[in-house]
Amino acid sequence: MAPLEGRLVISLEQAVAAPLCTLRLADAGARVIKIERPGGETARHYDAAVQGTSAHFTWLNRGKESAVLDLRTDDDAKLLARMLARADILVSNLAPGALSHLGFDDARLSREYPRLIVTSIVGYGQDTAYAGMKAYDLLVQAESGVSAVTGTPDTPSKVGVSVADIATGSNAYAAILEALIEREQTGRGKHIEMPMFDVMADWMAVPLLHHEQGGIETGRHGLAHAVIYPYGPFDCADGTILIAVQTAAEWQSLCRDALHRPDLADHPDFATNPLRVVHREALDREISPAFAAMTCHEAAERCAAARIAWSRQTAVSELGSHPALRRLDVRLDTGATVSVPRPAGQASATGDTAKPLPRLGEHTDAIRAEFSQRYET
């Protein structure tokens, strides 16, 4: 039995953050009813890369049911009310205030559905001056300072995947699980506000602490680490290898056993990590020639023998054949099956059968019948 089997989730969701949260709930066994507006939610229309289906939609919506409702109409608003009466969880990432405008403000939800766990994914805390701001992944990466520490010295950059959305959806999932445990103890639901900005600001704690407490401005170093060195890429004779040195013992081992430069191990300018960071350019001039004289294979063998963590730079075109990649199957509405990366920690929760993507409005009629007035007691 899946851990969330028997739980009912109603989701007013679009794009990435809320769909990722409810995907995790669905993978854990919950029944997720995805309410879409006529025409379908945003992510259905991003592209048609997966045999006519959006890549984002393929990734985030397996195992859900789709109901097309117009919640501005009285009939569909009443239908939603009846659905919420049976639901365990409501997830929404509509614009701030949208639920209230539809007649489902916090006061009503608390009064009429005291056991309901209501999760609102927003851009910014609703008690801040930014409460009404629209928020998308790129904008939150920039506003929170993530882009200020990402990229090259000359160019601030966004992370190449939607980290603000992904992190927010993951945090929302964790908060919902905590609320379910709390409800077992109290018998009451909970209202959870999950601002994307708060999630990213939490991720920025180390650069902020460095700035406020140490007067250190975190720079942008591309693939290299801002405050640990050597920790990043080095060019070999036939490509690039990345290494990570975090302890004093690893530094000694790198110098003596991997690079065959024991003179660097106790050099006064490089003896500690803070010193290596300060003198990273000078140290780079010492280390780089050693790597340049080796092939990537030779460098990897030496690092492995010296117990130094290393990796190669994997292209997207190479990820699909990576020996560590685990997959699961998703069934498109055409009946074709495609595979996606398997979520971490879910070795068997998804089962062996490919989970289907819902066609737009595929379950509308069945849901209307299931939650019709005549079944209310």
Foldseek 3Di string as FASTA:
>chain_A
DQPLAPAEEEEADADFQQLQLVQVVQLSHYAYEYEAEVVGGDQQPPDLPPVGGGPRLLVRFFRYHAAHDDLQDPVRVVLVVLVLQSHQEYEYADAPPPCVVSVNDPVNCCVRRFNHAYEYEYADDCVDPCNRPHDDQVVLCVVLCVQQQEDAQVGRDDPPDSVLSNQQNVVSNVVSVVQVVVCVVVVGYYYHYGHSNVSVNVVCVVQVCCCPPVVDHFGHHHQQDRQFPPFGWADAQAAIKTWHDDDLLLLCLCCVQQQVHNVQSCPPQRVDGNSCNVVVVVVCVVRRVSRHHHDPVSNVVRCVVSVIDMDHDDDPVCVVVDPVFDWAWEAEPVRDIDIDTDDPPSPDSNHNDHGYGYDHNNCNVVSCVVSPPVPDD
